[in-house]
N, C-alpha and C. Protein backbone atom coordinates (compact mmCIF):
# COMPACT_ATOMS: atom_id res chain seq x y z
N MET A 1 93.93 -48.39 -30.92
CA MET A 1 95.19 -47.30 -30.74
C MET A 1 95.95 -48.21 -31.27
N ASP A 2 96.04 -48.71 -31.60
CA ASP A 2 97.74 -49.63 -32.27
C ASP A 2 97.52 -48.47 -33.73
N LEU A 3 96.55 -48.32 -34.16
CA LEU A 3 96.59 -46.86 -35.46
C LEU A 3 96.97 -45.93 -35.15
N ARG A 4 97.21 -45.51 -34.26
CA ARG A 4 96.94 -43.95 -33.49
C ARG A 4 99.20 -43.77 -33.27
N ARG A 5 99.24 -45.07 -33.26
CA ARG A 5 100.75 -45.35 -33.27
C ARG A 5 101.81 -43.86 -34.18
N ASN A 6 102.83 -43.21 -33.65
CA ASN A 6 103.87 -42.78 -34.69
C ASN A 6 104.80 -43.80 -34.71
N TRP A 7 106.00 -43.27 -35.56
CA TRP A 7 107.05 -44.38 -36.13
C TRP A 7 107.51 -45.38 -35.05
N SER A 8 108.13 -43.95 -34.26
CA SER A 8 109.05 -44.23 -32.80
C SER A 8 108.27 -45.06 -32.06
N GLU A 9 106.74 -45.34 -31.64
CA GLU A 9 106.28 -46.03 -31.03
C GLU A 9 106.06 -47.76 -31.73
N LYS A 10 105.82 -47.54 -33.11
CA LYS A 10 105.76 -48.97 -33.55
C LYS A 10 107.30 -49.72 -33.62
N MET A 11 108.64 -48.90 -33.69
CA MET A 11 109.79 -49.36 -33.85
C MET A 11 110.00 -49.69 -32.93
N ALA A 12 109.42 -49.45 -31.43
CA ALA A 12 109.71 -49.72 -30.00
C ALA A 12 108.72 -50.81 -29.99
N ASP A 13 107.80 -51.25 -30.12
CA ASP A 13 107.17 -52.43 -30.51
C ASP A 13 107.61 -53.68 -30.43
N ARG A 14 108.70 -53.72 -31.95
CA ARG A 14 108.58 -54.31 -33.12
C ARG A 14 110.58 -54.79 -32.59
N ILE A 15 110.50 -53.74 -32.09
CA ILE A 15 112.37 -54.21 -31.42
C ILE A 15 111.74 -54.70 -30.14
N ASN A 16 110.85 -54.32 -28.79
CA ASN A 16 110.97 -55.48 -27.68
C ASN A 16 109.73 -56.94 -27.80
N LEU A 17 109.08 -56.57 -28.97
CA LEU A 17 108.15 -58.22 -29.54
C LEU A 17 109.71 -58.64 -30.14
N SER A 18 111.07 -58.48 -30.35
CA SER A 18 112.56 -59.35 -31.15
C SER A 18 112.73 -60.16 -30.06
N ALA A 19 113.46 -58.51 -29.46
CA ALA A 19 114.29 -58.33 -27.69
C ALA A 19 114.05 -59.68 -27.13
N GLY A 20 112.38 -59.56 -26.99
CA GLY A 20 111.89 -60.47 -25.67
C GLY A 20 111.94 -61.88 -26.48
N SER A 21 112.62 -61.94 -27.58
CA SER A 21 112.22 -64.05 -27.80
C SER A 21 113.75 -64.61 -27.39
N MET A 22 112.75 -65.83 -27.82
CA MET A 22 114.06 -66.34 -27.77
C MET A 22 115.38 -66.67 -28.83
N THR A 23 115.18 -66.74 -29.64
CA THR A 23 115.28 -66.49 -30.78
C THR A 23 116.27 -64.78 -30.57
N PHE A 24 115.69 -64.01 -30.28
CA PHE A 24 116.96 -62.46 -29.76
C PHE A 24 117.77 -63.70 -28.75
N PHE A 25 117.20 -64.11 -27.91
CA PHE A 25 118.45 -64.36 -27.05
C PHE A 25 119.39 -66.31 -27.59
N GLY A 26 119.03 -66.68 -28.02
CA GLY A 26 120.20 -67.69 -29.33
C GLY A 26 121.26 -66.62 -29.22
N ILE A 27 120.81 -65.82 -30.81
CA ILE A 27 121.58 -65.49 -31.26
C ILE A 27 122.64 -64.53 -30.82
N HIS A 28 121.56 -63.52 -29.57
CA HIS A 28 123.47 -63.50 -29.15
C HIS A 28 124.57 -64.59 -28.49
N ALA A 29 123.96 -65.14 -27.68
CA ALA A 29 124.20 -66.85 -26.93
C ALA A 29 125.16 -66.74 -27.82
N MET A 30 124.67 -66.96 -28.77
CA MET A 30 126.07 -67.99 -30.24
C MET A 30 126.55 -66.29 -30.48
N VAL A 31 126.93 -65.50 -30.88
CA VAL A 31 127.54 -64.38 -30.72
C VAL A 31 128.71 -63.68 -29.91
N PHE A 32 128.05 -63.63 -28.63
CA PHE A 32 128.86 -63.32 -27.50
C PHE A 32 129.94 -64.82 -27.53
N LEU A 33 129.69 -65.91 -27.32
CA LEU A 33 130.33 -67.37 -27.44
C LEU A 33 131.47 -67.43 -28.53
N ILE A 34 130.83 -66.63 -29.88
CA ILE A 34 132.61 -67.12 -31.10
C ILE A 34 133.52 -65.63 -31.12
N TRP A 35 132.33 -64.58 -29.81
CA TRP A 35 133.59 -63.01 -29.53
C TRP A 35 134.83 -63.37 -28.80
N ILE A 36 133.89 -64.35 -27.57
CA ILE A 36 134.59 -64.57 -26.34
C ILE A 36 136.00 -65.62 -27.58
N GLY A 37 135.37 -66.56 -27.29
CA GLY A 37 136.33 -67.81 -27.99
C GLY A 37 136.83 -67.87 -28.91
N LEU A 38 137.58 -66.57 -29.92
CA LEU A 38 137.57 -65.81 -31.56
C LEU A 38 138.84 -64.76 -30.50
N ASN A 39 138.37 -64.41 -29.10
CA ASN A 39 140.02 -63.39 -28.60
C ASN A 39 140.20 -64.35 -27.73
N LEU A 40 139.70 -65.35 -27.55
CA LEU A 40 140.89 -66.77 -26.97
C LEU A 40 141.59 -66.99 -27.16
N GLY A 41 141.41 -66.83 -28.55
CA GLY A 41 142.06 -67.77 -29.53
C GLY A 41 141.32 -69.31 -29.45
N VAL A 42 140.51 -69.34 -29.12
CA VAL A 42 140.34 -70.95 -29.04
C VAL A 42 139.78 -70.85 -30.64
N ILE A 43 139.65 -70.39 -31.71
CA ILE A 43 139.07 -70.30 -32.69
C ILE A 43 140.73 -70.07 -33.20
N SER A 44 141.66 -71.81 -34.65
CA SER A 44 142.24 -71.39 -34.49
C SER A 44 142.56 -70.63 -35.70
N GLY A 45 143.32 -69.92 -36.30
CA GLY A 45 143.84 -69.06 -37.66
C GLY A 45 142.74 -67.96 -37.94
N LEU A 46 142.40 -67.56 -36.47
CA LEU A 46 141.93 -65.64 -36.51
C LEU A 46 142.73 -65.40 -35.57
N THR A 47 143.05 -63.69 -35.81
CA THR A 47 143.90 -63.05 -34.64
C THR A 47 142.36 -62.27 -33.69
N SER A 48 143.31 -62.43 -33.19
CA SER A 48 142.39 -61.72 -31.66
C SER A 48 142.43 -59.63 -32.21
N PHE A 49 141.15 -59.35 -31.98
CA PHE A 49 140.84 -58.08 -31.97
C PHE A 49 140.12 -57.50 -30.63
N ASP A 50 140.15 -58.37 -29.70
CA ASP A 50 139.45 -57.87 -28.67
C ASP A 50 139.56 -58.32 -27.34
N PRO A 51 140.79 -58.71 -27.07
CA PRO A 51 141.81 -59.12 -26.06
C PRO A 51 140.95 -59.31 -24.73
N PHE A 52 140.75 -60.83 -23.70
CA PHE A 52 140.71 -59.73 -22.52
C PHE A 52 141.07 -58.97 -21.89
N PRO A 53 139.88 -58.32 -21.29
CA PRO A 53 138.69 -58.54 -20.20
C PRO A 53 138.24 -58.39 -21.29
N PHE A 54 137.94 -57.64 -22.92
CA PHE A 54 137.10 -57.95 -23.56
C PHE A 54 136.41 -56.21 -23.74
N GLY A 55 136.99 -55.68 -24.03
CA GLY A 55 136.39 -53.82 -23.31
C GLY A 55 135.33 -54.20 -24.86
N LEU A 56 135.73 -53.62 -25.93
CA LEU A 56 135.00 -53.55 -26.87
C LEU A 56 133.52 -54.01 -26.87
N LEU A 57 133.55 -55.26 -26.36
CA LEU A 57 132.74 -56.62 -25.65
C LEU A 57 131.38 -56.18 -25.17
N THR A 58 132.21 -55.06 -23.71
CA THR A 58 131.78 -54.57 -23.02
C THR A 58 131.09 -53.43 -23.28
N MET A 59 132.15 -52.16 -24.39
CA MET A 59 131.07 -51.27 -24.52
C MET A 59 129.91 -51.91 -25.45
N VAL A 60 129.92 -52.84 -26.29
CA VAL A 60 129.17 -52.76 -27.63
C VAL A 60 127.75 -53.13 -26.77
N VAL A 61 127.91 -54.08 -25.88
CA VAL A 61 126.30 -54.77 -24.78
C VAL A 61 126.43 -53.94 -23.78
N SER A 62 127.52 -52.82 -23.60
CA SER A 62 126.63 -51.71 -22.98
C SER A 62 125.62 -50.70 -23.60
N LEU A 63 126.27 -50.17 -25.00
CA LEU A 63 125.50 -49.76 -25.59
C LEU A 63 123.84 -49.96 -26.27
N GLU A 64 124.12 -51.87 -26.36
CA GLU A 64 123.55 -52.26 -26.51
C GLU A 64 121.81 -51.99 -25.21
N ALA A 65 122.32 -52.53 -24.24
CA ALA A 65 121.46 -52.51 -23.37
C ALA A 65 120.90 -51.15 -23.30
N ILE A 66 120.80 -50.13 -22.95
CA ILE A 66 120.52 -48.57 -22.93
C ILE A 66 119.75 -48.19 -23.81
N PHE A 67 120.06 -48.78 -25.26
CA PHE A 67 119.03 -48.65 -26.36
C PHE A 67 118.15 -49.33 -26.56
N LEU A 68 117.64 -50.97 -25.45
CA LEU A 68 117.04 -51.57 -25.77
C LEU A 68 116.23 -51.44 -24.64
N SER A 69 116.80 -51.26 -22.89
CA SER A 69 116.07 -50.25 -22.05
C SER A 69 114.77 -49.35 -22.72
N ILE A 70 115.49 -47.87 -23.08
CA ILE A 70 115.00 -46.83 -24.13
C ILE A 70 113.78 -47.49 -24.54
N PHE A 71 113.66 -48.79 -25.70
CA PHE A 71 112.31 -49.20 -25.75
C PHE A 71 111.43 -49.60 -25.40
N VAL A 72 111.88 -50.17 -24.33
CA VAL A 72 110.57 -50.49 -23.54
C VAL A 72 110.27 -49.96 -22.33
N LEU A 73 110.90 -48.45 -21.76
CA LEU A 73 110.54 -47.49 -21.66
C LEU A 73 109.35 -46.59 -22.73
N ILE A 74 109.88 -47.09 -23.50
CA ILE A 74 108.74 -46.54 -24.58
C ILE A 74 107.87 -46.44 -24.87
N SER A 75 107.86 -48.31 -25.02
CA SER A 75 106.51 -48.86 -25.19
C SER A 75 105.96 -49.12 -23.50
N GLN A 76 105.92 -49.08 -22.53
CA GLN A 76 105.75 -49.52 -21.01
C GLN A 76 105.19 -48.36 -21.74
N ASN A 77 105.37 -46.67 -22.00
CA ASN A 77 104.66 -45.60 -21.36
C ASN A 77 103.35 -45.72 -22.00
N ARG A 78 104.12 -45.74 -23.79
CA ARG A 78 102.61 -46.24 -24.82
C ARG A 78 101.45 -47.19 -23.35
N ALA A 79 101.52 -48.00 -23.42
CA ALA A 79 101.37 -49.23 -22.35
C ALA A 79 100.38 -48.76 -21.64
N SER A 80 101.23 -48.01 -20.47
CA SER A 80 100.80 -47.09 -19.27
C SER A 80 99.36 -46.54 -19.53
N LYS A 81 99.67 -45.27 -21.07
CA LYS A 81 98.69 -44.69 -21.49
C LYS A 81 96.98 -45.11 -21.99
N ILE A 82 97.35 -46.35 -22.23
CA ILE A 82 96.20 -47.55 -22.93
C ILE A 82 95.42 -47.66 -21.76
N ALA A 83 95.64 -48.43 -20.91
CA ALA A 83 95.98 -48.80 -19.88
C ALA A 83 95.00 -48.09 -18.43
N ASP A 84 95.60 -46.10 -19.03
CA ASP A 84 94.51 -45.73 -18.35
C ASP A 84 93.55 -45.11 -19.13
N LEU A 85 93.24 -45.28 -20.30
CA LEU A 85 91.89 -44.82 -20.99
C LEU A 85 91.57 -46.26 -20.68
N ARG A 86 91.44 -47.17 -21.01
CA ARG A 86 90.73 -47.85 -20.51
C ARG A 86 90.35 -48.42 -19.07
N GLU A 87 91.15 -47.86 -17.53
CA GLU A 87 90.55 -47.63 -16.63
C GLU A 87 89.26 -46.47 -17.22
N GLU A 88 89.42 -45.16 -17.72
CA GLU A 88 88.21 -44.33 -17.61
C GLU A 88 87.14 -44.58 -18.77
N VAL A 89 87.72 -45.20 -18.91
CA VAL A 89 86.28 -46.04 -20.17
C VAL A 89 85.62 -46.44 -18.92
N ASP A 90 86.41 -47.95 -17.93
CA ASP A 90 85.61 -48.62 -17.34
C ASP A 90 84.92 -47.52 -15.91
N LEU A 91 85.24 -46.46 -15.42
CA LEU A 91 84.64 -45.70 -14.66
C LEU A 91 83.37 -45.51 -15.15
N LYS A 92 83.36 -44.74 -16.67
CA LYS A 92 82.01 -43.84 -17.11
C LYS A 92 81.20 -45.02 -17.47
N VAL A 93 81.66 -46.32 -17.55
CA VAL A 93 80.46 -47.57 -17.77
C VAL A 93 80.43 -47.55 -16.06
N ASN A 94 81.25 -47.63 -15.53
CA ASN A 94 80.66 -48.56 -14.48
C ASN A 94 79.84 -47.47 -13.70
N VAL A 95 80.43 -45.93 -13.78
CA VAL A 95 78.96 -45.03 -12.67
C VAL A 95 77.72 -45.13 -13.69
N ARG A 96 77.61 -44.98 -15.21
CA ARG A 96 76.83 -45.20 -16.26
C ARG A 96 75.81 -45.84 -15.39
N SER A 97 76.29 -47.58 -15.37
CA SER A 97 75.62 -48.77 -14.42
C SER A 97 74.70 -48.14 -13.59
N GLU A 98 76.32 -47.73 -12.66
CA GLU A 98 75.22 -48.07 -11.01
C GLU A 98 73.71 -46.38 -11.38
N ARG A 99 74.06 -45.73 -11.90
CA ARG A 99 72.94 -44.87 -12.32
C ARG A 99 71.74 -45.95 -12.81
N GLU A 100 71.69 -46.28 -13.37
CA GLU A 100 70.73 -46.96 -14.21
C GLU A 100 70.13 -48.92 -13.49
N ILE A 101 71.48 -48.81 -12.82
CA ILE A 101 70.87 -49.57 -11.10
C ILE A 101 69.93 -49.42 -9.99
N THR A 102 70.01 -47.88 -10.31
CA THR A 102 69.54 -46.81 -9.12
C THR A 102 67.88 -47.24 -9.89
N ARG A 103 68.72 -46.07 -11.34
CA ARG A 103 66.68 -46.00 -11.67
C ARG A 103 66.17 -47.22 -11.45
N ILE A 104 66.92 -48.42 -11.76
CA ILE A 104 66.00 -49.38 -11.79
C ILE A 104 65.14 -50.23 -10.29
N ILE A 105 65.96 -49.96 -9.75
CA ILE A 105 65.23 -50.45 -7.95
C ILE A 105 64.36 -49.39 -7.77
N LYS A 106 64.60 -48.01 -7.74
CA LYS A 106 63.30 -47.11 -7.93
C LYS A 106 62.43 -47.17 -8.48
N MET A 107 62.39 -47.75 -10.06
CA MET A 107 60.94 -48.43 -9.88
C MET A 107 60.63 -49.64 -9.32
N LEU A 108 61.14 -50.57 -9.23
CA LEU A 108 60.93 -51.38 -8.56
C LEU A 108 60.43 -51.10 -7.71
N ASP A 109 60.85 -50.62 -6.55
CA ASP A 109 60.26 -50.32 -5.10
C ASP A 109 58.42 -49.45 -5.69
N GLN A 110 58.76 -48.65 -7.03
CA GLN A 110 57.47 -47.66 -7.22
C GLN A 110 56.25 -48.74 -7.46
N MET A 111 56.65 -50.03 -8.17
CA MET A 111 55.73 -51.51 -8.54
C MET A 111 55.44 -52.15 -7.76
N GLN A 112 56.54 -52.31 -6.57
CA GLN A 112 56.17 -53.22 -5.26
C GLN A 112 55.38 -51.71 -4.18
N LYS A 113 55.15 -51.10 -4.27
CA LYS A 113 54.63 -50.07 -3.39
C LYS A 113 52.46 -49.98 -4.12
N LYS A 114 52.54 -49.66 -5.83
CA LYS A 114 51.23 -50.06 -6.62
C LYS A 114 50.82 -51.60 -6.19
N MET A 115 51.49 -52.85 -6.25
CA MET A 115 51.01 -53.42 -6.08
C MET A 115 50.35 -54.05 -4.84
N GLY A 116 51.17 -53.34 -3.44
CA GLY A 116 50.98 -53.78 -2.29
C GLY A 116 51.64 -54.56 -1.42
N ILE A 117 52.90 -55.10 -1.95
CA ILE A 117 53.79 -56.35 -1.89
C ILE A 117 54.78 -54.99 -0.61
N LYS A 118 54.33 -55.65 0.60
CA LYS A 118 55.84 -54.73 1.96
C LYS A 118 56.79 -55.57 1.53
N SER A 119 57.90 -53.76 1.80
CA SER A 119 59.37 -54.14 1.16
C SER A 119 59.96 -55.17 2.68
N LYS A 120 60.77 -56.37 2.45
CA LYS A 120 61.81 -57.36 3.81
C LYS A 120 62.28 -55.84 4.72
N ASN A 121 63.21 -55.11 3.96
CA ASN A 121 63.84 -54.03 4.36
C ASN A 121 64.36 -52.64 3.80
N PRO A 122 62.85 -52.10 4.30
CA PRO A 122 62.60 -51.32 3.75
C PRO A 122 64.35 -50.04 3.50
N ALA A 123 64.81 -49.68 5.60
CA ALA A 123 65.66 -48.91 5.07
C ALA A 123 67.17 -49.19 3.35
N GLU A 124 67.07 -50.83 3.89
CA GLU A 124 68.13 -50.80 3.24
C GLU A 124 67.54 -49.94 1.50
N LEU A 125 66.51 -51.01 1.28
CA LEU A 125 66.05 -50.09 -0.07
C LEU A 125 66.35 -48.64 0.02
N LYS A 126 66.02 -48.07 0.81
CA LYS A 126 66.02 -46.23 0.45
C LYS A 126 67.60 -46.17 0.71
N THR A 127 68.28 -47.40 0.68
CA THR A 127 69.62 -46.07 1.22
C THR A 127 70.32 -46.55 -0.58
N MET A 128 69.73 -47.86 -0.82
CA MET A 128 70.27 -48.69 -2.56
C MET A 128 69.01 -47.18 -3.54
N GLU A 129 68.74 -47.01 -3.08
CA GLU A 129 67.90 -45.55 -3.98
C GLU A 129 68.79 -44.12 -4.06
N LYS A 130 69.59 -44.14 -3.28
CA LYS A 130 70.25 -43.20 -3.06
C LYS A 130 71.38 -42.88 -4.52
N ASN A 131 70.97 -41.77 -4.49
CA ASN A 131 72.77 -42.16 -5.67
C ASN A 131 73.79 -41.67 -5.75
N THR A 132 74.97 -42.05 -5.52
CA THR A 132 75.88 -42.53 -5.53
C THR A 132 76.43 -41.33 -5.73
N ASN A 133 77.16 -40.44 -4.38
CA ASN A 133 78.34 -39.38 -4.50
C ASN A 133 79.80 -39.50 -5.18
N LEU A 134 79.74 -39.65 -6.14
CA LEU A 134 81.03 -40.03 -7.06
C LEU A 134 82.26 -38.88 -6.22
N GLU A 135 81.48 -37.46 -6.09
CA GLU A 135 82.65 -36.25 -5.37
C GLU A 135 83.12 -36.88 -3.98
N ALA A 136 82.64 -37.42 -2.80
CA ALA A 136 82.50 -37.27 -2.25
C ALA A 136 83.62 -38.97 -1.88
N MET A 137 83.34 -40.04 -3.12
CA MET A 137 84.12 -41.06 -3.40
C MET A 137 85.48 -40.98 -3.45
N GLU A 138 85.45 -39.77 -4.58
CA GLU A 138 87.07 -39.77 -5.34
C GLU A 138 87.74 -38.91 -3.83
N GLU A 139 87.10 -38.38 -2.63
CA GLU A 139 87.86 -37.93 -1.92
C GLU A 139 88.58 -38.60 -1.29
N GLU A 140 87.51 -39.25 -1.43
CA GLU A 140 87.54 -41.13 0.23
C GLU A 140 89.17 -42.09 -0.72
N ILE A 141 88.98 -41.98 -1.94
CA ILE A 141 90.18 -42.40 -2.75
C ILE A 141 91.50 -41.42 -2.37
N LEU A 142 91.62 -40.66 -2.47
CA LEU A 142 92.14 -39.10 -2.76
C LEU A 142 93.18 -39.55 -1.02
N THR A 143 92.19 -39.66 -0.47
CA THR A 143 92.51 -40.18 0.71
C THR A 143 93.44 -41.16 0.66
N GLU A 144 93.30 -42.33 1.20
CA GLU A 144 93.44 -43.81 1.39
C GLU A 144 94.68 -43.03 0.07
N MET A 145 94.70 -43.12 -0.68
CA MET A 145 96.15 -42.81 -1.81
C MET A 145 97.19 -42.06 -1.17
N GLU A 146 96.58 -41.22 -0.21
CA GLU A 146 97.45 -40.01 0.45
C GLU A 146 98.60 -40.79 1.75
N GLU A 147 98.02 -41.54 2.54
CA GLU A 147 98.54 -42.60 3.27
C GLU A 147 99.17 -43.57 2.94
N LEU A 148 98.85 -44.20 1.97
CA LEU A 148 100.37 -45.31 1.39
C LEU A 148 101.17 -44.77 1.21
């Protein structure tokens, strides 16, 4: 799935990877401290360009937050698509496994009968031999979801 990413998804993932690091935090903390120190006159010899209440800093930080949140949403959408695809694959594997297990149970029951071995719980065995009604199961799940 990573090979199918377009350039914007790749960029968003790279930005999220770097923005979620302690290095990113450290650089920003340092820049903010220098900016504030410079504009409060703590650093002598330099002139203030963004006096208190730091309107320019506020705007820059707000714009950065907007863009970072967009990149996070792009990455989350892609991660959600990947999770949905994995769930679909899991469902298909589980359905196939259930059908194969049902077939095996039927075969074992036939072998048991042919060998003259009596089942300890024939009612349970008959229930296990029935194929699962996927449509009914889906309806049940949808009904439960609507109730939430």
